[in-house]
Structure formats: C-alpha cells, structure tokens
Amino acid sequence: MKTSKMTFLGLFTAVAMILSFVETLLPPLTTALPGIKMGLPNIAIMFILYRIGWKEASVVSIVRVILVSLLFGSVMSMAYSLGGAILSLLIMTLMQKLTSFNRVSISVVGGVCHNIGQILVAWAVTSTAQIVYYLPVLLISGCAAGILVGLAAGMLEKRVPKIKF
C-alpha cells in the first residue's frame, strides 16, 4: 500500500474516531431510548466506501470500532458495534456493487442493518429473544441516521478533492 493511501486512511480513521467522540457529547437520546445514536462516524466510512473501496472502508470501520471501544467503551460495546458495523458494511457494499440505489438509500439500509447486527449480538449474548421487540424503535432511528449520514457523506465527497494513490 502506498504511503499516501495509508496516510489518507489513517486520517479518515481519526476523523471517524473524532465523530464518535462528538457523538458522545451531543444531548443523549439514550436516556429515553438506549442504543440510539446518530451514526456520525459512518460519514467517514461511507466516504471511504465510495471514494476508495470496500476493503479500505472495512479496515477503517473495524479499526475505528476497536479503538473507540477501548478509549470510550467496553468489550461489550465493541461486540455490539462490530456486529452492527460488519453487517452494515457487508450489505452496503453488496448494494453499491449490485444495484443502482443512490448513496442515501444505501446509507439507510446500512443504518438499519447496523441495528439488526446489534440486536443479533444482543440476542446471542443474552439468550433473550424478547430483545427483538426493541428492533422497530432501532429501525426507525436507523432510517433517520442513514438519511443524515448519506447526505453528509455526499456533501463531503463533493468537497474533498480526489487523490490518486
């Protein structure tokens, strides 16, 4: 991997980590609805997915989840985040390659899949099938977050010049 590409990916990993931290400073919805977040770090992930590719987006996403969990979370938060991030990125990559859906639509599906991945991890960890009843609330928040992330990633892509690696 070229040094310029590695530097670019490191920069966007840092951006995603900063957005994770900023997300913790926003007025929490978690008081009333646990597990609800805006998904700001996914702006950087979507940007990398569209600008460079799925492999690089996967690396940035997984590194970000691990580092943020170690800095601000726990092993359990890492498990939930990894489950959501992996499923989300897998489905977004397939949609990007196999369909003609726009960035916002793919981001919405990514937000929904992230929440489904988290519920699946919670179900596996707790062995409690009733956790699925919380899924509709998370799906609504995933749609809203997906719209925000998709629009922001599109604006970012228009404003950041393309770099050849």
C-alpha atoms as a PDB file:
ATOM      1  CA  MET A   1       0.000   0.000   0.000  1.00  0.00           C
ATOM      2  CA  LYS A   2       1.305   3.424  -0.896  1.00  0.00           C
ATOM      3  CA  THR A   3       2.222   5.773   1.915  1.00  0.00           C
ATOM      4  CA  SER A   4      -0.221   8.409   0.637  1.00  0.00           C
ATOM      5  CA  LYS A   5      -3.115   5.942   0.698  1.00  0.00           C
ATOM      6  CA  MET A   6      -2.192   4.694   4.171  1.00  0.00           C
ATOM      7  CA  THR A   7      -1.975   8.286   5.396  1.00  0.00           C
ATOM      8  CA  PHE A   8      -5.373   9.105   3.877  1.00  0.00           C
ATOM      9  CA  LEU A   9      -6.960   6.068   5.549  1.00  0.00           C
ATOM     10  CA  GLY A  10      -5.301   6.952   8.861  1.00  0.00           C
ATOM     11  CA  LEU A  11      -6.676  10.479   8.578  1.00  0.00           C
ATOM     12  CA  PHE A  12     -10.191   9.206   7.964  1.00  0.00           C
ATOM     13  CA  THR A  13      -9.892   6.700  10.802  1.00  0.00           C
ATOM     14  CA  ALA A  14      -9.053   9.655  13.043  1.00  0.00           C
ATOM     15  CA  VAL A  15     -11.990  11.633  11.603  1.00  0.00           C
ATOM     16  CA  ALA A  16     -14.332   8.710  12.324  1.00  0.00           C
ATOM     17  CA  MET A  17     -12.960   8.475  15.877  1.00  0.00           C
ATOM     18  CA  ILE A  18     -13.450  12.209  16.423  1.00  0.00           C
ATOM     19  CA  LEU A  19     -17.012  11.945  15.127  1.00  0.00           C
ATOM     20  CA  SER A  20     -17.582   9.079  17.587  1.00  0.00           C
ATOM     21  CA  PHE A  21     -16.389  11.301  20.399  1.00  0.00           C
ATOM     22  CA  VAL A  22     -18.503  14.255  19.200  1.00  0.00           C
ATOM     23  CA  GLU A  23     -21.498  11.918  19.152  1.00  0.00           C
ATOM     24  CA  THR A  24     -20.981  11.233  22.858  1.00  0.00           C
ATOM     25  CA  LEU A  25     -21.116  14.972  23.573  1.00  0.00           C
ATOM     26  CA  LEU A  26     -24.468  15.538  21.866  1.00  0.00           C
ATOM     27  CA  PRO A  27     -27.585  15.602  24.028  1.00  0.00           C
ATOM     28  CA  PRO A  28     -28.257  11.923  24.538  1.00  0.00           C
ATOM     29  CA  LEU A  29     -31.340  10.191  23.290  1.00  0.00           C
ATOM     30  CA  THR A  30     -30.087   7.256  25.317  1.00  0.00           C
ATOM     31  CA  THR A  31     -31.807   8.489  28.457  1.00  0.00           C
ATOM     32  CA  ALA A  32     -35.162   7.632  26.950  1.00  0.00           C
ATOM     33  CA  LEU A  33     -34.076   5.181  24.247  1.00  0.00           C
ATOM     34  CA  PRO A  34     -30.895   3.172  24.866  1.00  0.00           C
ATOM     35  CA  GLY A  35     -28.771   2.307  21.863  1.00  0.00           C
ATOM     36  CA  ILE A  36     -29.896   5.213  19.683  1.00  0.00           C
ATOM     37  CA  LYS A  37     -27.090   7.195  18.038  1.00  0.00           C
ATOM     38  CA  MET A  38     -26.822   9.435  15.005  1.00  0.00           C
ATOM     39  CA  GLY A  39     -24.070   7.367  13.388  1.00  0.00           C
ATOM     40  CA  LEU A  40     -21.787  10.314  12.663  1.00  0.00           C
ATOM     41  CA  PRO A  41     -18.648   8.139  12.229  1.00  0.00           C
ATOM     42  CA  ASN A  42     -20.362   6.453   9.311  1.00  0.00           C
ATOM     43  CA  ILE A  43     -19.983   9.652   7.303  1.00  0.00           C
ATOM     44  CA  ALA A  44     -16.262   8.874   7.073  1.00  0.00           C
ATOM     45  CA  ILE A  45     -16.935   5.177   6.376  1.00  0.00           C
ATOM     46  CA  MET A  46     -19.376   5.956   3.554  1.00  0.00           C
ATOM     47  CA  PHE A  47     -16.914   8.449   2.100  1.00  0.00           C
ATOM     48  CA  ILE A  48     -14.150   5.810   2.036  1.00  0.00           C
ATOM     49  CA  LEU A  49     -16.545   3.186   0.642  1.00  0.00           C
ATOM     50  CA  TYR A  50     -17.469   5.405  -2.310  1.00  0.00           C
ATOM     51  CA  ARG A  51     -14.149   7.154  -2.840  1.00  0.00           C
ATOM     52  CA  ILE A  52     -11.687   4.261  -2.411  1.00  0.00           C
ATOM     53  CA  GLY A  53     -13.435   0.924  -1.903  1.00  0.00           C
ATOM     54  CA  TRP A  54     -14.985  -1.636   0.386  1.00  0.00           C
ATOM     55  CA  LYS A  55     -11.731  -3.182   1.638  1.00  0.00           C
ATOM     56  CA  GLU A  56     -10.420   0.158   2.840  1.00  0.00           C
ATOM     57  CA  ALA A  57     -13.814   1.108   4.304  1.00  0.00           C
ATOM     58  CA  SER A  58     -13.833  -2.205   6.188  1.00  0.00           C
ATOM     59  CA  VAL A  59     -10.390  -1.591   7.658  1.00  0.00           C
ATOM     60  CA  VAL A  60     -11.254   1.982   8.699  1.00  0.00           C
ATOM     61  CA  SER A  61     -14.566   0.845  10.196  1.00  0.00           C
ATOM     62  CA  ILE A  62     -13.136  -2.058  12.200  1.00  0.00           C
ATOM     63  CA  VAL A  63     -10.104  -0.105  13.424  1.00  0.00           C
ATOM     64  CA  ARG A  64     -12.389   2.760  14.459  1.00  0.00           C
ATOM     65  CA  VAL A  65     -14.739   0.454  16.372  1.00  0.00           C
ATOM     66  CA  ILE A  66     -11.878  -1.239  18.212  1.00  0.00           C
ATOM     67  CA  LEU A  67     -10.084   1.987  19.127  1.00  0.00           C
ATOM     68  CA  VAL A  68     -13.234   3.859  20.172  1.00  0.00           C
ATOM     69  CA  SER A  69     -14.372   0.896  22.271  1.00  0.00           C
ATOM     70  CA  LEU A  70     -11.000   0.741  24.006  1.00  0.00           C
ATOM     71  CA  LEU A  71     -10.956   4.504  24.615  1.00  0.00           C
ATOM     72  CA  PHE A  72     -14.589   5.264  25.463  1.00  0.00           C
ATOM     73  CA  GLY A  73     -16.432   1.968  25.801  1.00  0.00           C
ATOM     74  CA  SER A  74     -16.071  -1.624  26.847  1.00  0.00           C
ATOM     75  CA  VAL A  75     -15.647  -5.101  25.436  1.00  0.00           C
ATOM     76  CA  MET A  76     -19.423  -5.411  25.216  1.00  0.00           C
ATOM     77  CA  SER A  77     -19.777  -2.128  23.340  1.00  0.00           C
ATOM     78  CA  MET A  78     -17.087  -3.416  20.972  1.00  0.00           C
ATOM     79  CA  ALA A  79     -19.055  -6.614  20.355  1.00  0.00           C
ATOM     80  CA  TYR A  80     -22.279  -4.731  19.618  1.00  0.00           C
ATOM     81  CA  SER A  81     -20.518  -2.190  17.417  1.00  0.00           C
ATOM     82  CA  LEU A  82     -18.570  -4.815  15.469  1.00  0.00           C
ATOM     83  CA  GLY A  83     -21.720  -6.845  14.844  1.00  0.00           C
ATOM     84  CA  GLY A  84     -23.503  -3.807  13.510  1.00  0.00           C
ATOM     85  CA  ALA A  85     -20.543  -2.444  11.556  1.00  0.00           C
ATOM     86  CA  ILE A  86     -19.737  -5.726   9.805  1.00  0.00           C
ATOM     87  CA  LEU A  87     -23.319  -6.477   8.765  1.00  0.00           C
ATOM     88  CA  SER A  88     -23.895  -2.875   7.711  1.00  0.00           C
ATOM     89  CA  LEU A  89     -20.766  -2.635   5.597  1.00  0.00           C
ATOM     90  CA  LEU A  90     -21.367  -6.030   4.001  1.00  0.00           C
ATOM     91  CA  ILE A  91     -24.884  -5.104   2.875  1.00  0.00           C
ATOM     92  CA  MET A  92     -23.912  -1.575   1.778  1.00  0.00           C
ATOM     93  CA  THR A  93     -21.050  -2.991  -0.308  1.00  0.00           C
ATOM     94  CA  LEU A  94     -23.337  -5.527  -1.974  1.00  0.00           C
ATOM     95  CA  MET A  95     -25.941  -2.855  -2.700  1.00  0.00           C
ATOM     96  CA  GLN A  96     -23.342  -0.479  -4.097  1.00  0.00           C
ATOM     97  CA  LYS A  97     -21.948  -3.145  -6.443  1.00  0.00           C
ATOM     98  CA  LEU A  98     -25.162  -4.929  -7.441  1.00  0.00           C
ATOM     99  CA  THR A  99     -27.832  -2.225  -7.548  1.00  0.00           C
ATOM    100  CA  SER A 100     -28.339   1.290  -8.790  1.00  0.00           C
ATOM    101  CA  PHE A 101     -29.620   2.679  -5.493  1.00  0.00           C
ATOM    102  CA  ASN A 102     -28.305   6.107  -4.559  1.00  0.00           C
ATOM    103  CA  ARG A 103     -25.980   6.851  -1.647  1.00  0.00           C
ATOM    104  CA  VAL A 104     -28.772   7.912   0.729  1.00  0.00           C
ATOM    105  CA  SER A 105     -30.775   4.726   0.103  1.00  0.00           C
ATOM    106  CA  ILE A 106     -27.697   2.578   0.655  1.00  0.00           C
ATOM    107  CA  SER A 107     -26.890   4.527   3.811  1.00  0.00           C
ATOM    108  CA  VAL A 108     -30.421   3.993   5.157  1.00  0.00           C
ATOM    109  CA  VAL A 109     -30.115   0.243   4.565  1.00  0.00           C
ATOM    110  CA  GLY A 110     -26.697   0.409   6.240  1.00  0.00           C
ATOM    111  CA  GLY A 111     -28.180   2.142   9.296  1.00  0.00           C
ATOM    112  CA  VAL A 112     -30.962  -0.434   9.535  1.00  0.00           C
ATOM    113  CA  CYS A 113     -28.515  -3.334   9.105  1.00  0.00           C
ATOM    114  CA  HIS A 114     -26.269  -1.864  11.784  1.00  0.00           C
ATOM    115  CA  ASN A 115     -29.171  -2.003  14.228  1.00  0.00           C
ATOM    116  CA  ILE A 116     -30.104  -5.540  13.129  1.00  0.00           C
ATOM    117  CA  GLY A 117     -26.492  -6.617  13.700  1.00  0.00           C
ATOM    118  CA  GLN A 118     -26.532  -5.122  17.184  1.00  0.00           C
ATOM    119  CA  ILE A 119     -29.800  -6.888  18.037  1.00  0.00           C
ATOM    120  CA  LEU A 120     -28.378 -10.201  16.789  1.00  0.00           C
ATOM    121  CA  VAL A 121     -25.313  -9.763  19.014  1.00  0.00           C
ATOM    122  CA  ALA A 122     -27.523  -8.811  21.976  1.00  0.00           C
ATOM    123  CA  TRP A 123     -29.684 -11.865  21.346  1.00  0.00           C
ATOM    124  CA  ALA A 124     -26.603 -14.114  21.212  1.00  0.00           C
ATOM    125  CA  VAL A 125     -25.101 -12.582  24.365  1.00  0.00           C
ATOM    126  CA  THR A 126     -28.253 -12.517  26.484  1.00  0.00           C
ATOM    127  CA  SER A 127     -30.091 -15.540  25.017  1.00  0.00           C
ATOM    128  CA  THR A 128     -33.198 -13.398  25.261  1.00  0.00           C
ATOM    129  CA  ALA A 129     -35.440 -13.492  22.201  1.00  0.00           C
ATOM    130  CA  GLN A 130     -37.546 -10.632  23.587  1.00  0.00           C
ATOM    131  CA  ILE A 131     -34.741  -8.211  22.665  1.00  0.00           C
ATOM    132  CA  VAL A 132     -36.154  -8.367  19.124  1.00  0.00           C
ATOM    133  CA  TYR A 133     -39.159  -6.332  20.316  1.00  0.00           C
ATOM    134  CA  TYR A 134     -36.847  -3.304  20.518  1.00  0.00           C
ATOM    135  CA  LEU A 135     -35.971  -3.645  16.841  1.00  0.00           C
ATOM    136  CA  PRO A 136     -38.783  -1.403  15.458  1.00  0.00           C
ATOM    137  CA  VAL A 137     -37.529   1.534  17.534  1.00  0.00           C
ATOM    138  CA  LEU A 138     -33.986   0.936  16.312  1.00  0.00           C
ATOM    139  CA  LEU A 139     -35.128   0.560  12.701  1.00  0.00           C
ATOM    140  CA  ILE A 140     -36.784   3.971  12.780  1.00  0.00           C
ATOM    141  CA  SER A 141     -33.656   5.544  14.232  1.00  0.00           C
ATOM    142  CA  GLY A 142     -31.520   3.651  11.686  1.00  0.00           C
ATOM    143  CA  CYS A 143     -33.541   5.135   8.831  1.00  0.00           C
ATOM    144  CA  ALA A 144     -33.206   8.663  10.197  1.00  0.00           C
ATOM    145  CA  ALA A 145     -29.480   8.239  10.842  1.00  0.00           C
ATOM    146  CA  GLY A 146     -28.998   6.696   7.399  1.00  0.00           C
ATOM    147  CA  ILE A 147     -30.541   9.711   5.692  1.00  0.00           C
ATOM    148  CA  LEU A 148     -28.318  12.092   7.659  1.00  0.00           C
ATOM    149  CA  VAL A 149     -25.167  10.037   7.030  1.00  0.00           C
ATOM    150  CA  GLY A 150     -25.874   9.551   3.325  1.00  0.00           C
ATOM    151  CA  LEU A 151     -26.471  13.265   2.735  1.00  0.00           C
ATOM    152  CA  ALA A 152     -23.411  14.304   4.737  1.00  0.00           C
ATOM    153  CA  ALA A 153     -21.159  11.747   3.015  1.00  0.00           C
ATOM    154  CA  GLY A 154     -22.346  13.008  -0.367  1.00  0.00           C
ATOM    155  CA  MET A 155     -21.540  16.605   0.583  1.00  0.00           C
ATOM    156  CA  LEU A 156     -18.122  15.543   1.862  1.00  0.00           C
ATOM    157  CA  GLU A 157     -17.359  13.668  -1.338  1.00  0.00           C
ATOM    158  CA  LYS A 158     -18.188  16.763  -3.411  1.00  0.00           C
ATOM    159  CA  ARG A 159     -15.908  18.978  -1.318  1.00  0.00           C
ATOM    160  CA  VAL A 160     -12.837  16.753  -0.845  1.00  0.00           C
ATOM    161  CA  PRO A 161     -10.656  16.661  -3.952  1.00  0.00           C
ATOM    162  CA  LYS A 162      -9.930  13.274  -5.481  1.00  0.00           C
ATOM    163  CA  ILE A 163      -6.469  11.935  -4.801  1.00  0.00           C
ATOM    164  CA  LYS A 164      -4.731   9.356  -6.969  1.00  0.00           C
ATOM    165  CA  PHE A 165      -2.930   6.716  -4.967  1.00  0.00           C
END
